Amino acid sequence: MTGLSSEDTFRLNVLLANKPLAVRVDESKMIVWGLFHKGESKVPLNPDGRPDQYLRKVKELISGHILGSPGGYPIYLRRWTRMGQMRDESLEQLLTLGEPEAVVAAVCSPGLTDELARRAWWAMEDAENARRMLANPEVVAGTMGKILSRYLLEFLPFETETEKMMESVRLVLQPGLIEETDRLSLWKKSARKQAYLVGFLQASPDDLPEPVPARRDAETHAIHLRPMAEAGNPCAAMLLRVHSSSGQTFLRTLSTVLARPPTQEVVEATLDLAREYFSSLRLEGDPDLPMDDLSRDAQVYTGVDAPDSVCVCLTAVPGLRREVSAMRLLSGLGYGVLRPLLRDSMATGSLMRRKLEPLTSPLLERIGVLQGQIGDAPGS
């Protein structure tokens, strides 16, 4: 085969001359589609040889017309595809190349607009593209936000990777994207899917469904803690947050995930979100320490060398020492506590949970302390 048929060349040139907003190549049906303001147009292809070679010629023609590059989709664009390094003014061109990689390059760009998201979605409906676009605030706020969220909701039952489940749930729970009935339905399904619970914890840690009551002693402690929190004391503010209804609901959900995590990805994400929740007690971020070191650090944090903010709280309410120690430990969670237990291990399910029990058991005890349950946290 030396090139395209004269009929296909003519019809493709006509389609491109009319300046399509996006181009999609259906390789299985050998059809080139163009999106226009008033609808769609298609060019059925008539290959006279191997379809893959013919399609390469088709894409070379399109690229030559759009970019002036007869060699097809430029190599340098391929390198930038998933790095969000495209100039905003190039995005419209990328969506008219008929190349999946070019569409991905566009949806990864921070300059993607709601209109360009509409064109990209027409060109390539794909769950990964939906997730990428819902990470863009402008797309979330536009008309495409709800469309992409609906797609991810409907696709969730077919998702097999826990990381993608967590990310999809987190993204669709952004304010204004799904109806409350859908949110509650998703929450009910999370009873069987721990990954969904992680998505909820990431998206709305202070506004989870089915809230539980505040701690019974919340108001008693608040009399002392509230003035300190209003004066900017981070320890007092965190204690008030934890004792509240939303805080107790967060802790209940956190313990549910840690009790039976299905995969290492779920465990890592859960530890990260716990660290983020309590981050005001550790402004330096992830210390990357094993559990024993975190336990010692928590003891020091509530001991004679405690920070002034902690000393003030414990002087006013000395009975909260173990709670402050537990919060400090949880603020340091991360891969550092997993490394000694899962080094070079690909375990999942019950085998992984057995390996992790030296970590999850003390963590659940500390969460229990914050829930006002009887018993001191070990090492506190």
Protein backbone atom coordinates (compact mmCIF):
# COMPACT_ATOMS: atom_id res chain seq x y z
CA MET A 1 0.00 0.00 0.00
CA THR A 2 1.43 3.37 -1.01
CA GLY A 3 -1.17 5.67 0.52
CA LEU A 4 -4.82 6.41 1.13
CA SER A 5 -7.48 5.93 -1.48
CA SER A 6 -8.37 9.11 -3.37
CA GLU A 7 -11.92 8.99 -1.99
CA ASP A 8 -10.75 8.75 1.63
CA THR A 9 -8.15 11.47 1.11
CA PHE A 10 -10.78 13.80 -0.34
CA ARG A 11 -13.38 13.15 2.38
CA LEU A 12 -10.84 13.48 5.21
CA ASN A 13 -9.57 16.76 3.80
CA VAL A 14 -13.15 18.06 3.60
CA LEU A 15 -13.79 17.05 7.20
CA LEU A 16 -10.61 18.76 8.40
CA ALA A 17 -11.20 21.87 6.26
CA ASN A 18 -14.45 22.42 8.17
CA LYS A 19 -12.39 22.83 11.38
CA PRO A 20 -13.71 20.11 13.69
CA LEU A 21 -13.68 20.75 17.44
CA ALA A 22 -12.40 17.22 18.03
CA VAL A 23 -11.58 14.11 16.01
CA ARG A 24 -12.05 10.49 17.01
CA VAL A 25 -10.78 7.47 15.11
CA ASP A 26 -12.81 4.30 15.63
CA GLU A 27 -10.19 1.73 14.71
CA SER A 28 -12.45 -1.30 15.10
CA LYS A 29 -15.07 0.05 12.67
CA MET A 30 -12.59 2.00 10.49
CA ILE A 31 -14.46 5.31 10.86
CA VAL A 32 -13.12 8.82 11.45
CA TRP A 33 -15.52 11.03 13.40
CA GLY A 34 -15.50 14.79 13.63
CA LEU A 35 -17.25 16.89 16.29
CA PHE A 36 -18.69 20.24 15.19
CA HIS A 37 -20.80 22.92 16.83
CA LYS A 38 -23.90 21.56 15.12
CA GLY A 39 -23.25 17.86 15.55
CA GLU A 40 -21.03 15.07 14.30
CA SER A 41 -19.74 13.96 10.91
CA LYS A 42 -18.13 10.67 9.92
CA VAL A 43 -15.83 9.36 7.23
CA PRO A 44 -16.00 5.57 6.71
CA LEU A 45 -12.60 4.35 5.59
CA ASN A 46 -11.95 1.95 2.73
CA PRO A 47 -8.58 0.31 3.31
CA ASP A 48 -7.01 -1.57 0.43
CA GLY A 49 -4.44 -3.31 2.60
CA ARG A 50 -3.62 -3.99 6.24
CA PRO A 51 -5.92 -1.90 8.47
CA ASP A 52 -3.15 -0.92 10.92
CA GLN A 53 -0.97 0.45 8.14
CA TYR A 54 -3.92 2.28 6.62
CA LEU A 55 -4.83 3.85 9.95
CA ARG A 56 -1.26 5.07 10.36
CA LYS A 57 -1.57 6.84 7.01
CA VAL A 58 -4.89 8.35 8.11
CA LYS A 59 -3.32 9.75 11.28
CA GLU A 60 -0.37 11.08 9.32
CA LEU A 61 -2.76 12.97 7.06
CA ILE A 62 -4.63 14.41 10.05
CA SER A 63 -1.41 15.38 11.83
CA GLY A 64 -0.03 16.97 8.69
CA HIS A 65 -3.17 19.08 8.32
CA ILE A 66 -3.42 20.12 12.00
CA LEU A 67 0.23 20.47 13.04
CA GLY A 68 2.11 20.56 9.76
CA SER A 69 3.90 17.42 10.90
CA PRO A 70 3.49 14.66 8.29
CA GLY A 71 5.18 12.08 10.54
CA GLY A 72 2.10 11.68 12.72
CA TYR A 73 1.75 12.55 16.39
CA PRO A 74 5.09 14.18 17.30
CA ILE A 75 7.37 12.20 19.58
CA TYR A 76 7.93 15.14 21.92
CA LEU A 77 4.20 15.31 22.60
CA ARG A 78 4.22 11.65 23.59
CA ARG A 79 6.86 12.39 26.25
CA TRP A 80 4.73 15.17 27.68
CA THR A 81 1.42 13.31 27.54
CA ARG A 82 1.01 12.57 31.24
CA MET A 83 3.06 15.44 32.63
CA GLY A 84 0.65 18.33 32.12
CA GLN A 85 3.32 20.34 30.27
CA MET A 86 1.28 21.36 27.24
CA ARG A 87 0.76 25.04 26.53
CA ASP A 88 -2.87 26.03 26.88
CA GLU A 89 -3.06 27.28 23.31
CA SER A 90 -2.10 23.82 22.02
CA LEU A 91 -4.96 21.99 23.70
CA GLU A 92 -7.52 22.60 20.96
CA GLN A 93 -5.13 21.17 18.38
CA LEU A 94 -4.42 18.08 20.46
CA LEU A 95 -8.10 17.16 20.48
CA THR A 96 -8.29 17.20 16.69
CA LEU A 97 -5.45 14.72 16.09
CA GLY A 98 -7.51 11.55 16.59
CA GLU A 99 -4.82 10.20 18.93
CA PRO A 100 -5.70 8.81 22.38
CA GLU A 101 -2.33 9.96 23.73
CA ALA A 102 -3.06 13.49 22.56
CA VAL A 103 -6.41 13.44 24.37
CA VAL A 104 -4.68 12.31 27.57
CA ALA A 105 -2.16 15.13 27.14
CA ALA A 106 -5.04 17.59 26.96
CA VAL A 107 -6.97 16.29 29.96
CA CYS A 108 -3.80 16.34 32.07
CA SER A 109 -3.21 20.01 31.33
CA PRO A 110 -4.02 22.53 34.09
CA GLY A 111 -5.28 24.83 31.32
CA LEU A 112 -8.17 22.51 30.42
CA THR A 113 -11.49 24.39 30.35
CA ASP A 114 -15.01 23.06 30.73
CA GLU A 115 -15.57 23.33 26.97
CA LEU A 116 -12.33 21.55 26.15
CA ALA A 117 -13.27 18.87 28.68
CA ARG A 118 -16.53 18.36 26.77
CA ARG A 119 -14.60 17.86 23.54
CA ALA A 120 -12.05 15.56 25.20
CA TRP A 121 -14.83 13.43 26.68
CA TRP A 122 -16.45 13.10 23.27
CA ALA A 123 -13.11 12.05 21.83
CA MET A 124 -12.32 9.49 24.50
CA GLU A 125 -14.73 8.33 27.21
CA ASP A 126 -12.52 6.63 29.74
CA ALA A 127 -12.58 6.33 33.55
CA GLU A 128 -8.97 7.43 33.88
CA ASN A 129 -9.66 10.53 31.81
CA ALA A 130 -12.71 11.28 33.96
CA ARG A 131 -10.57 11.11 37.09
CA ARG A 132 -7.93 13.35 35.58
CA MET A 133 -10.49 15.96 34.59
CA LEU A 134 -12.25 15.91 37.96
CA ALA A 135 -8.93 16.90 39.53
CA ASN A 136 -9.31 20.21 37.66
CA PRO A 137 -11.34 22.79 39.65
CA GLU A 138 -12.63 24.50 36.51
CA VAL A 139 -14.02 21.25 35.15
CA VAL A 140 -15.57 20.41 38.53
CA ALA A 141 -17.34 23.77 38.58
CA GLY A 142 -18.53 23.48 34.97
CA THR A 143 -21.18 21.44 33.21
CA MET A 144 -18.84 18.49 32.72
CA GLY A 145 -18.30 17.95 36.44
CA LYS A 146 -21.64 16.21 36.98
CA ILE A 147 -21.40 14.27 33.70
CA LEU A 148 -17.98 12.85 34.60
CA SER A 149 -19.09 12.08 38.15
CA ARG A 150 -22.12 10.19 36.90
CA TYR A 151 -19.90 8.12 34.64
CA LEU A 152 -17.53 7.24 37.48
CA LEU A 153 -20.43 6.31 39.76
CA GLU A 154 -21.84 3.94 37.17
CA PHE A 155 -18.39 2.52 36.41
CA LEU A 156 -17.44 1.88 40.05
CA PRO A 157 -18.93 -1.65 40.23
CA PHE A 158 -16.63 -2.66 37.36
CA GLU A 159 -13.47 -1.08 38.82
CA THR A 160 -11.03 -3.72 40.04
CA GLU A 161 -8.11 -1.70 41.41
CA THR A 162 -8.51 -0.38 44.95
CA GLU A 163 -6.46 2.76 44.29
CA LYS A 164 -8.80 3.74 41.47
CA MET A 165 -11.87 2.96 43.60
CA MET A 166 -10.61 5.26 46.36
CA GLU A 167 -9.78 8.03 43.91
CA SER A 168 -13.10 7.80 42.08
CA VAL A 169 -15.08 8.01 45.32
CA ARG A 170 -13.00 10.92 46.58
CA LEU A 171 -13.47 12.83 43.34
CA VAL A 172 -17.22 12.33 42.93
CA LEU A 173 -17.76 13.45 46.53
CA GLN A 174 -16.49 16.93 45.76
CA PRO A 175 -19.23 19.47 46.62
CA GLY A 176 -22.00 19.88 44.08
CA LEU A 177 -21.25 16.89 41.86
CA ILE A 178 -23.69 14.17 42.94
CA GLU A 179 -27.11 14.16 44.57
CA GLU A 180 -27.49 13.36 48.26
CA THR A 181 -29.38 10.18 47.38
CA ASP A 182 -26.40 9.00 45.32
CA ARG A 183 -24.03 9.90 48.15
CA LEU A 184 -26.02 7.86 50.66
CA SER A 185 -26.33 4.96 48.23
CA LEU A 186 -22.56 4.98 47.77
CA TRP A 187 -22.11 5.06 51.55
CA LYS A 188 -24.30 1.96 51.94
CA LYS A 189 -22.22 0.13 49.35
CA SER A 190 -19.08 1.03 51.31
CA ALA A 191 -20.17 -1.46 53.98
CA ARG A 192 -18.80 -4.12 51.60
CA LYS A 193 -16.03 -2.01 50.06
CA GLN A 194 -13.40 -0.62 52.44
CA ALA A 195 -11.86 1.29 49.53
CA TYR A 196 -15.07 3.33 49.25
CA LEU A 197 -14.81 4.24 52.94
CA VAL A 198 -11.29 5.56 52.35
CA GLY A 199 -12.65 7.76 49.57
CA PHE A 200 -15.25 9.15 51.98
CA LEU A 201 -12.63 9.80 54.65
CA GLN A 202 -10.43 11.60 52.14
CA ALA A 203 -13.23 13.70 50.66
CA SER A 204 -15.27 14.71 53.70
CA PRO A 205 -13.67 13.74 57.02
CA ASP A 206 -15.89 16.18 58.93
CA ASP A 207 -19.14 15.43 57.11
CA LEU A 208 -19.59 11.67 56.90
CA PRO A 209 -23.03 10.05 56.59
CA GLU A 210 -24.75 8.42 59.56
CA PRO A 211 -23.04 10.55 62.23
CA VAL A 212 -22.64 9.20 65.74
CA PRO A 213 -23.14 11.35 68.87
CA ALA A 214 -20.37 13.46 70.34
CA ARG A 215 -18.45 12.01 73.26
CA ARG A 216 -20.46 12.12 76.46
CA ASP A 217 -17.81 14.28 78.11
CA ALA A 218 -17.41 16.60 75.11
CA GLU A 219 -19.21 19.58 76.61
CA THR A 220 -17.56 19.15 80.00
CA HIS A 221 -14.11 19.36 78.40
CA ALA A 222 -15.20 22.08 75.97
CA ILE A 223 -15.68 24.51 78.84
CA HIS A 224 -11.90 24.50 79.30
CA LEU A 225 -10.80 23.79 75.73
CA ARG A 226 -12.94 26.21 73.73
CA PRO A 227 -11.30 29.44 75.01
CA MET A 228 -7.85 27.98 74.34
CA ALA A 229 -8.84 26.87 70.84
CA GLU A 230 -10.25 30.32 70.08
CA ALA A 231 -6.90 31.76 71.20
CA GLY A 232 -5.13 29.59 68.59
CA ASN A 233 -4.07 26.54 70.62
CA PRO A 234 -3.82 23.64 68.11
CA CYS A 235 -3.98 20.93 70.76
CA ALA A 236 -7.21 22.30 72.23
CA ALA A 237 -8.71 22.73 68.75
CA MET A 238 -7.88 19.14 67.83
CA LEU A 239 -9.38 17.78 71.03
CA LEU A 240 -12.60 19.69 70.36
CA ARG A 241 -12.67 18.32 66.81
CA VAL A 242 -12.14 14.74 67.94
CA HIS A 243 -14.73 14.92 70.74
CA SER A 244 -17.43 16.29 68.43
CA SER A 245 -19.99 14.21 66.57
CA SER A 246 -18.10 14.58 63.29
CA GLY A 247 -14.84 13.59 64.98
CA GLN A 248 -16.34 10.51 66.57
CA THR A 249 -17.86 9.53 63.21
CA PHE A 250 -14.44 9.93 61.56
CA LEU A 251 -12.83 7.72 64.21
CA ARG A 252 -15.51 5.04 63.88
CA THR A 253 -15.01 4.92 60.12
CA LEU A 254 -11.23 4.95 60.46
CA SER A 255 -11.34 1.97 62.81
CA THR A 256 -13.69 0.11 60.45
CA VAL A 257 -11.13 0.37 57.66
CA LEU A 258 -8.15 -0.54 59.83
CA ALA A 259 -9.96 -3.58 61.24
CA ARG A 260 -10.21 -5.32 57.84
CA PRO A 261 -8.23 -3.57 55.09
CA PRO A 262 -8.25 -5.57 51.82
CA THR A 263 -4.98 -4.36 50.26
CA GLN A 264 -1.75 -2.59 51.08
CA GLU A 265 -2.89 0.40 49.02
CA VAL A 266 -5.91 0.82 51.28
CA VAL A 267 -3.70 0.62 54.37
CA GLU A 268 -1.24 3.22 53.05
CA ALA A 269 -4.01 5.60 52.03
CA THR A 270 -5.69 5.20 55.44
CA LEU A 271 -2.50 5.98 57.33
CA ASP A 272 -1.91 9.02 55.13
CA LEU A 273 -5.39 10.42 55.69
CA ALA A 274 -5.11 9.86 59.45
CA ARG A 275 -1.82 11.78 59.46
CA GLU A 276 -3.49 14.58 57.51
CA TYR A 277 -6.44 14.72 59.91
CA PHE A 278 -4.16 15.22 62.92
CA SER A 279 -1.52 17.25 61.03
CA SER A 280 -1.93 20.40 63.15
CA LEU A 281 -0.07 18.54 65.91
CA ARG A 282 2.92 17.82 63.65
CA LEU A 283 3.55 20.73 61.32
CA GLU A 284 6.80 19.17 60.05
CA GLY A 285 4.79 16.53 58.17
CA ASP A 286 5.44 12.81 57.77
CA PRO A 287 8.30 11.79 60.11
CA ASP A 288 8.69 8.40 58.38
CA LEU A 289 9.21 6.62 61.71
CA PRO A 290 8.41 3.06 62.82
CA MET A 291 5.74 2.46 65.46
CA ASP A 292 8.10 2.16 68.44
CA ASP A 293 9.69 5.53 67.67
CA LEU A 294 6.28 7.15 67.25
CA SER A 295 5.21 5.74 70.63
CA ARG A 296 8.26 7.21 72.34
CA ASP A 297 7.71 10.53 70.58
CA ALA A 298 4.09 10.58 71.80
CA GLN A 299 5.25 10.03 75.38
CA VAL A 300 7.73 12.90 75.13
CA TYR A 301 5.04 15.10 73.59
CA THR A 302 2.90 14.78 76.71
CA GLY A 303 5.76 14.62 79.22
CA VAL A 304 7.82 17.19 81.10
CA ASP A 305 9.19 18.61 77.86
CA ALA A 306 5.77 18.99 76.22
CA PRO A 307 5.13 22.05 74.01
CA ASP A 308 3.47 25.00 75.71
CA SER A 309 0.20 24.40 73.85
CA VAL A 310 0.04 20.86 75.26
CA CYS A 311 1.04 21.92 78.77
CA VAL A 312 -1.76 24.47 78.88
CA CYS A 313 -4.34 21.86 77.85
CA LEU A 314 -3.13 19.22 80.28
CA THR A 315 -2.97 21.71 83.13
CA ALA A 316 -6.61 22.63 82.50
CA VAL A 317 -7.77 19.05 81.83
CA PRO A 318 -5.13 16.59 83.10
CA GLY A 319 -7.36 13.61 82.36
CA LEU A 320 -6.81 14.07 78.59
CA ARG A 321 -3.12 13.13 78.58
CA ARG A 322 -3.67 9.76 76.93
CA GLU A 323 -5.93 11.37 74.27
CA VAL A 324 -3.24 13.93 73.41
CA SER A 325 -0.64 11.17 73.25
CA ALA A 326 -2.86 9.13 70.91
CA MET A 327 -3.47 12.12 68.62
CA ARG A 328 0.26 12.85 68.44
CA LEU A 329 1.00 9.27 67.43
CA LEU A 330 -1.71 9.25 64.76
CA SER A 331 -0.28 12.49 63.34
CA GLY A 332 2.92 10.61 62.48
CA LEU A 333 1.49 7.65 60.58
CA GLY A 334 2.83 6.79 57.16
CA TYR A 335 4.83 4.18 55.30
CA GLY A 336 7.43 4.23 58.08
CA VAL A 337 5.18 2.10 60.30
CA LEU A 338 4.51 -0.35 57.46
CA ARG A 339 8.06 -0.82 56.23
CA PRO A 340 9.20 -3.25 58.97
CA LEU A 341 6.06 -5.39 58.56
CA LEU A 342 5.57 -5.50 54.79
CA ARG A 343 9.11 -5.28 53.46
CA ASP A 344 9.19 -6.97 50.04
CA SER A 345 5.74 -8.45 50.71
CA MET A 346 2.91 -8.47 48.17
CA ALA A 347 0.44 -9.99 50.66
CA THR A 348 -3.22 -8.99 50.57
CA GLY A 349 -6.37 -10.00 52.42
CA SER A 350 -6.17 -12.15 55.55
CA LEU A 351 -2.42 -12.90 55.16
CA MET A 352 -1.65 -9.17 55.00
CA ARG A 353 -3.89 -8.46 57.99
CA ARG A 354 -2.01 -11.07 60.07
CA LYS A 355 1.29 -9.44 59.16
CA LEU A 356 -0.11 -6.03 60.11
CA GLU A 357 -1.67 -7.00 63.42
CA PRO A 358 1.31 -5.68 65.47
CA LEU A 359 0.46 -2.30 63.96
CA THR A 360 -3.32 -2.32 63.64
CA SER A 361 -4.03 -3.59 67.16
CA PRO A 362 -2.28 -0.70 68.97
CA LEU A 363 -3.70 1.78 66.47
CA LEU A 364 -7.24 0.55 67.12
CA GLU A 365 -6.60 0.82 70.88
CA ARG A 366 -5.50 4.42 70.50
CA ILE A 367 -8.53 5.21 68.39
CA GLY A 368 -10.60 3.61 71.15
CA VAL A 369 -9.02 6.00 73.65
CA LEU A 370 -10.12 8.95 71.51
CA GLN A 371 -13.60 7.47 71.40
CA GLY A 372 -13.73 7.53 75.19
CA GLN A 373 -13.53 3.77 75.58
CA ILE A 374 -12.07 2.26 78.77
CA GLY A 375 -8.39 1.45 78.85
CA ASP A 376 -5.17 3.36 78.36
CA ALA A 377 -3.37 3.48 75.07
CA PRO A 378 -0.28 1.31 75.25
CA GLY A 379 2.86 3.30 75.78
CA SER A 380 0.95 6.44 76.65
